[in-house]
C-alpha atoms as a PDB file:
ATOM      1  CA  MET A   1     -28.303 -17.141   7.597  1.00  0.00           C
ATOM      2  CA  GLN A   2     -25.319 -17.700   5.246  1.00  0.00           C
ATOM      3  CA  GLN A   3     -27.036 -15.638   2.527  1.00  0.00           C
ATOM      4  CA  ASP A   4     -27.560 -12.716   4.955  1.00  0.00           C
ATOM      5  CA  LYS A   5     -23.873 -12.852   5.929  1.00  0.00           C
ATOM      6  CA  LYS A   6     -22.852 -12.843   2.279  1.00  0.00           C
ATOM      7  CA  GLU A   7     -25.126  -9.911   1.400  1.00  0.00           C
ATOM      8  CA  HIS A   8     -24.032  -7.872   4.420  1.00  0.00           C
ATOM      9  CA  PHE A   9     -20.356  -8.543   3.709  1.00  0.00           C
ATOM     10  CA  THR A  10     -20.777  -7.653   0.023  1.00  0.00           C
ATOM     11  CA  LEU A  11     -22.543  -4.406   0.872  1.00  0.00           C
ATOM     12  CA  LEU A  12     -19.783  -3.298   3.247  1.00  0.00           C
ATOM     13  CA  TYR A  13     -17.004  -4.504   0.951  1.00  0.00           C
ATOM     14  CA  GLU A  14     -18.302  -2.705  -2.162  1.00  0.00           C
ATOM     15  CA  ASN A  15     -17.899   0.660  -0.400  1.00  0.00           C
ATOM     16  CA  LEU A  16     -14.216  -0.054   0.299  1.00  0.00           C
ATOM     17  CA  LYS A  17     -13.215  -2.065  -2.770  1.00  0.00           C
ATOM     18  CA  CYS A  18     -11.355   0.768  -4.531  1.00  0.00           C
ATOM     19  CA  GLU A  19      -9.574   1.898  -1.366  1.00  0.00           C
ATOM     20  CA  LEU A  20      -8.481  -1.655  -0.610  1.00  0.00           C
ATOM     21  CA  SER A  21      -7.276  -2.120  -4.180  1.00  0.00           C
ATOM     22  CA  ASN A  22      -5.188   1.061  -4.022  1.00  0.00           C
ATOM     23  CA  TYR A  23      -3.780   0.017  -0.658  1.00  0.00           C
ATOM     24  CA  CYS A  24      -2.778  -3.438  -1.893  1.00  0.00           C
ATOM     25  CA  ARG A  25      -1.255  -1.977  -5.067  1.00  0.00           C
ATOM     26  CA  ALA A  26       0.780   0.539  -3.081  1.00  0.00           C
ATOM     27  CA  LEU A  27       2.075  -2.177  -0.785  1.00  0.00           C
ATOM     28  CA  MET A  28       2.911  -4.718  -3.463  1.00  0.00           C
ATOM     29  CA  VAL A  29       3.225  -2.566  -6.626  1.00  0.00           C
ATOM     30  CA  ASP A  30       3.413  -5.639  -8.855  1.00  0.00           C
ATOM     31  CA  GLU A  31      -0.120  -6.027 -10.182  1.00  0.00           C
ATOM     32  CA  GLU A  32      -0.264  -9.815  -9.757  1.00  0.00           C
ATOM     33  CA  ASP A  33       1.087  -9.682  -6.197  1.00  0.00           C
ATOM     34  CA  ALA A  34      -1.411  -6.928  -5.378  1.00  0.00           C
ATOM     35  CA  LYS A  35      -4.290  -9.020  -6.774  1.00  0.00           C
ATOM     36  CA  ASP A  36      -3.133 -11.995  -4.709  1.00  0.00           C
ATOM     37  CA  LEU A  37      -2.955  -9.874  -1.556  1.00  0.00           C
ATOM     38  CA  MET A  38      -6.405  -8.439  -2.219  1.00  0.00           C
ATOM     39  CA  SER A  39      -7.912 -11.881  -2.865  1.00  0.00           C
ATOM     40  CA  GLU A  40      -6.361 -13.332   0.272  1.00  0.00           C
ATOM     41  CA  THR A  41      -7.595 -10.331   2.263  1.00  0.00           C
ATOM     42  CA  VAL A  42     -11.176 -10.625   1.024  1.00  0.00           C
ATOM     43  CA  LEU A  43     -11.229 -14.363   1.676  1.00  0.00           C
ATOM     44  CA  ALA A  44      -9.853 -13.971   5.204  1.00  0.00           C
ATOM     45  CA  ALA A  45     -12.251 -11.098   5.904  1.00  0.00           C
ATOM     46  CA  PHE A  46     -15.241 -13.098   4.721  1.00  0.00           C
ATOM     47  CA  GLU A  47     -14.219 -16.132   6.764  1.00  0.00           C
ATOM     48  CA  GLY A  48     -13.774 -14.007   9.887  1.00  0.00           C
ATOM     49  CA  PHE A  49     -16.724 -11.695   9.237  1.00  0.00           C
ATOM     50  CA  GLU A  50     -18.835 -13.266  11.986  1.00  0.00           C
ATOM     51  CA  LYS A  51     -16.249 -12.138  14.550  1.00  0.00           C
ATOM     52  CA  LEU A  52     -16.791  -8.480  13.625  1.00  0.00           C
ATOM     53  CA  ARG A  53     -19.059  -7.088  16.321  1.00  0.00           C
ATOM     54  CA  GLU A  54     -19.271  -3.502  15.049  1.00  0.00           C
ATOM     55  CA  PRO A  55     -19.991  -3.208  11.299  1.00  0.00           C
ATOM     56  CA  GLU A  56     -18.889   0.461  11.340  1.00  0.00           C
ATOM     57  CA  LYS A  57     -15.342  -0.810  12.000  1.00  0.00           C
ATOM     58  CA  PHE A  58     -15.311  -2.949   8.858  1.00  0.00           C
ATOM     59  CA  LYS A  59     -12.690  -0.692   7.238  1.00  0.00           C
ATOM     60  CA  TYR A  60     -10.262  -1.271  10.141  1.00  0.00           C
ATOM     61  CA  PHE A  61     -11.044  -4.966  10.039  1.00  0.00           C
ATOM     62  CA  LEU A  62     -10.401  -5.232   6.278  1.00  0.00           C
ATOM     63  CA  PHE A  63      -7.278  -3.057   6.100  1.00  0.00           C
ATOM     64  CA  GLY A  64      -5.899  -4.674   9.250  1.00  0.00           C
ATOM     65  CA  ILE A  65      -6.139  -8.080   7.604  1.00  0.00           C
ATOM     66  CA  ALA A  66      -4.398  -6.764   4.472  1.00  0.00           C
ATOM     67  CA  GLY A  67      -1.605  -5.254   6.553  1.00  0.00           C
ATOM     68  CA  ARG A  68      -1.093  -8.436   8.560  1.00  0.00           C
ATOM     69  CA  LEU A  69      -1.074 -10.592   5.414  1.00  0.00           C
ATOM     70  CA  PHE A  70       1.431  -8.233   3.821  1.00  0.00           C
ATOM     71  CA  LYS A  71       3.726  -8.416   6.867  1.00  0.00           C
ATOM     72  CA  LYS A  72       3.351 -12.186   6.890  1.00  0.00           C
ATOM     73  CA  LYS A  73       4.490 -12.260   3.261  1.00  0.00           C
ATOM     74  CA  LEU A  74       7.482 -10.113   4.197  1.00  0.00           C
ATOM     75  CA  ARG A  75       8.421 -12.406   7.068  1.00  0.00           C
ATOM     76  CA  ARG A  76       8.027 -15.434   4.852  1.00  0.00           C
ATOM     77  CA  LYS A  77      10.427 -13.955   2.320  1.00  0.00           C
ATOM     78  CA  LYS A  78      12.664 -12.646   5.128  1.00  0.00           C
ATOM     79  CA  ILE A  79      12.738  -9.225   3.530  1.00  0.00           C
ATOM     80  CA  LEU A  80      12.565  -6.117   5.693  1.00  0.00           C
ATOM     81  CA  GLN A  81      11.353  -3.765   2.991  1.00  0.00           C
ATOM     82  CA  PHE A  82       8.597  -3.651   0.410  1.00  0.00           C
ATOM     83  CA  THR A  83       8.958  -6.018  -2.514  1.00  0.00           C
ATOM     84  CA  GLY A  84       8.095  -5.702  -6.144  1.00  0.00           C
ATOM     85  CA  LEU A  85       8.966  -2.019  -6.433  1.00  0.00           C
ATOM     86  CA  GLU A  86      11.922  -2.571  -8.756  1.00  0.00           C
ATOM     87  CA  LYS A  87       9.649  -4.443 -11.168  1.00  0.00           C
ATOM     88  CA  ALA A  88       8.065  -1.103 -12.041  1.00  0.00           C
ATOM     89  CA  HIS A  89      11.223  -0.292 -14.008  1.00  0.00           C
ATOM     90  CA  ASP A  90      11.113  -3.287 -16.358  1.00  0.00           C
ATOM     91  CA  LYS A  91      10.828  -2.283 -20.007  1.00  0.00           C
ATOM     92  CA  GLU A  92       7.422  -3.964 -20.307  1.00  0.00           C
ATOM     93  CA  SER A  93       5.932  -2.017 -17.428  1.00  0.00           C
ATOM     94  CA  PHE A  94       7.575   1.334 -18.182  1.00  0.00           C
ATOM     95  CA  ILE A  95       4.967   3.972 -18.908  1.00  0.00           C
ATOM     96  CA  LYS A  96       6.204   7.171 -20.530  1.00  0.00           C
ATOM     97  CA  THR A  97       4.032   9.699 -18.714  1.00  0.00           C
ATOM     98  CA  ASP A  98       5.400  12.115 -16.137  1.00  0.00           C
ATOM     99  CA  ASP A  99       2.783  10.978 -13.617  1.00  0.00           C
ATOM    100  CA  ALA A 100       3.753   7.327 -13.987  1.00  0.00           C
ATOM    101  CA  ILE A 101       7.439   8.191 -13.658  1.00  0.00           C
ATOM    102  CA  SER A 102       6.741  10.207 -10.528  1.00  0.00           C
ATOM    103  CA  LEU A 103       4.633   7.381  -9.128  1.00  0.00           C
ATOM    104  CA  ASN A 104       7.360   4.827  -9.822  1.00  0.00           C
ATOM    105  CA  MET A 105       9.898   7.036  -8.063  1.00  0.00           C
ATOM    106  CA  LEU A 106       7.577   7.451  -5.108  1.00  0.00           C
ATOM    107  CA  TYR A 107       6.993   3.691  -4.824  1.00  0.00           C
ATOM    108  CA  ARG A 108      10.721   3.039  -5.083  1.00  0.00           C
ATOM    109  CA  CYS A 109      11.327   5.460  -2.215  1.00  0.00           C
ATOM    110  CA  ILE A 110       8.477   4.052  -0.133  1.00  0.00           C
ATOM    111  CA  GLY A 111      10.139   0.666  -0.538  1.00  0.00           C
ATOM    112  CA  LYS A 112      13.229   2.000   1.222  1.00  0.00           C
ATOM    113  CA  LEU A 113      11.312   3.031   4.352  1.00  0.00           C
ATOM    114  CA  LYS A 114      10.947   0.842   7.409  1.00  0.00           C
ATOM    115  CA  PRO A 115       7.848  -1.372   6.945  1.00  0.00           C
ATOM    116  CA  ASP A 116       5.827   0.368   9.680  1.00  0.00           C
ATOM    117  CA  GLU A 117       6.635   3.820   8.318  1.00  0.00           C
ATOM    118  CA  ALA A 118       5.835   2.733   4.771  1.00  0.00           C
ATOM    119  CA  GLU A 119       2.531   1.161   5.790  1.00  0.00           C
ATOM    120  CA  ALA A 120       1.562   4.291   7.741  1.00  0.00           C
ATOM    121  CA  ILE A 121       2.430   6.522   4.752  1.00  0.00           C
ATOM    122  CA  VAL A 122       0.461   4.321   2.352  1.00  0.00           C
ATOM    123  CA  LEU A 123      -2.570   4.297   4.650  1.00  0.00           C
ATOM    124  CA  PHE A 124      -2.463   8.010   5.427  1.00  0.00           C
ATOM    125  CA  GLU A 125      -1.275   9.581   2.172  1.00  0.00           C
ATOM    126  CA  ILE A 126      -2.387   7.145  -0.510  1.00  0.00           C
ATOM    127  CA  SER A 127      -5.445   5.460   1.008  1.00  0.00           C
ATOM    128  CA  GLY A 128      -6.638   8.659   2.693  1.00  0.00           C
ATOM    129  CA  CYS A 129      -7.114   7.197   6.163  1.00  0.00           C
ATOM    130  CA  THR A 130      -7.096   9.494   9.180  1.00  0.00           C
ATOM    131  CA  LEU A 131      -4.373   9.091  11.792  1.00  0.00           C
ATOM    132  CA  VAL A 132      -6.911   7.472  14.109  1.00  0.00           C
ATOM    133  CA  GLU A 133      -7.773   4.978  11.358  1.00  0.00           C
ATOM    134  CA  VAL A 134      -4.074   4.332  10.717  1.00  0.00           C
ATOM    135  CA  SER A 135      -3.540   3.563  14.404  1.00  0.00           C
ATOM    136  CA  GLU A 136      -6.559   1.238  14.506  1.00  0.00           C
ATOM    137  CA  ILE A 137      -5.664  -0.576  11.289  1.00  0.00           C
ATOM    138  CA  MET A 138      -2.023  -1.031  12.291  1.00  0.00           C
ATOM    139  CA  GLN A 139      -3.046  -1.812  15.881  1.00  0.00           C
ATOM    140  CA  ILE A 140      -0.667   0.783  17.332  1.00  0.00           C
ATOM    141  CA  ASN A 141      -1.313   3.806  19.510  1.00  0.00           C
ATOM    142  CA  LEU A 142      -2.104   7.170  17.939  1.00  0.00           C
ATOM    143  CA  ASN A 143       1.249   8.766  18.832  1.00  0.00           C
ATOM    144  CA  THR A 144       3.133   5.907  17.201  1.00  0.00           C
ATOM    145  CA  ALA A 145       1.014   6.331  14.048  1.00  0.00           C
ATOM    146  CA  LYS A 146       1.779  10.063  14.015  1.00  0.00           C
ATOM    147  CA  THR A 147       5.485   9.353  14.475  1.00  0.00           C
ATOM    148  CA  ASN A 148       5.528   6.768  11.671  1.00  0.00           C
ATOM    149  CA  VAL A 149       3.816   9.191   9.268  1.00  0.00           C
ATOM    150  CA  TYR A 150       6.085  12.078  10.283  1.00  0.00           C
ATOM    151  CA  ARG A 151       9.289  10.053   9.944  1.00  0.00           C
ATOM    152  CA  GLY A 152       8.128   8.511   6.680  1.00  0.00           C
ATOM    153  CA  ARG A 153       7.328  11.925   5.212  1.00  0.00           C
ATOM    154  CA  LYS A 154      10.706  13.345   6.242  1.00  0.00           C
ATOM    155  CA  LYS A 155      12.587  10.387   4.768  1.00  0.00           C
ATOM    156  CA  LEU A 156      10.553  10.542   1.539  1.00  0.00           C
ATOM    157  CA  GLU A 157      11.190  14.264   1.254  1.00  0.00           C
ATOM    158  CA  THR A 158      14.927  13.661   1.566  1.00  0.00           C
ATOM    159  CA  MET A 159      14.917  10.753  -0.891  1.00  0.00           C
ATOM    160  CA  LEU A 160      12.765  12.517  -3.490  1.00  0.00           C
ATOM    161  CA  GLN A 161      14.722  15.789  -3.471  1.00  0.00           C
ATOM    162  CA  PRO A 162      17.330  14.630  -6.037  1.00  0.00           C
ATOM    163  CA  ASP A 163      14.593  13.152  -8.269  1.00  0.00           C
ATOM    164  CA  ARG A 164      12.850  16.509  -8.599  1.00  0.00           C
ATOM    165  CA  ASP A 165      15.710  17.700 -10.810  1.00  0.00           C
ATOM    166  CA  ILE A 166      15.427  14.612 -13.014  1.00  0.00           C
ATOM    167  CA  LEU A 167      11.685  15.094 -13.430  1.00  0.00           C
ATOM    168  CA  SER A 168      12.225  18.624 -14.718  1.00  0.00           C
ATOM    169  CA  ASN A 169      14.019  17.043 -17.702  1.00  0.00           C
ATOM    170  CA  PRO A 170      12.018  13.979 -18.892  1.00  0.00           C
ATOM    171  CA  ILE A 171      14.727  13.135 -21.469  1.00  0.00           C
ATOM    172  CA  ASN A 172      17.086  12.159 -18.634  1.00  0.00           C
ATOM    173  CA  VAL A 173      14.385   9.939 -17.171  1.00  0.00           C
ATOM    174  CA  LEU A 174      13.799   8.222 -20.508  1.00  0.00           C
ATOM    175  CA  LYS A 175      17.542   7.672 -20.998  1.00  0.00           C
ATOM    176  CA  THR A 176      17.873   6.259 -17.484  1.00  0.00           C
ATOM    177  CA  ASN A 177      14.917   3.902 -17.850  1.00  0.00           C
ATOM    178  CA  THR A 178      15.712   2.694 -21.365  1.00  0.00           C
ATOM    179  CA  ALA A 179      19.229   1.808 -20.260  1.00  0.00           C
ATOM    180  CA  ILE A 180      17.858  -0.656 -17.724  1.00  0.00           C
ATOM    181  CA  SER A 181      17.698  -4.186 -19.122  1.00  0.00           C
END
């Protein structure tokens, strides 16, 4: 019985492993924090796997656990925004490619959104979930999910507008990032 549970869980999990990893990384940004969140999520999902009545909803089950654990971490730290995003600008983690710079800017801006908007954006835009999936994972109604994505997009668009000029001249980006100690 236990072996069947383990095999069934592993089969379902393997199909979502990369998506879950990307989701955890986008939420936490810091690689170690993301690994911790992913490990805690997988453990909690395995322990509660017997409660899942519909295996086709495993994705909602898994991502829902990750989202709740993330929010729990936020509450524990009494922080109302994403954590770890500033760590992407440390000299050790600075990567000199335009894509990495753009990604760091995006994560920094996502960190400034309200937690529900940020989670909806990460699920919809980065993890590729549908709006229905976002609403199920976040346990909110569909209209609220749509509103969170819409508001998040608008705020990101406003925040990223000034950075578009910086990205057109990578020298400015390098000067800015090397000045940070």
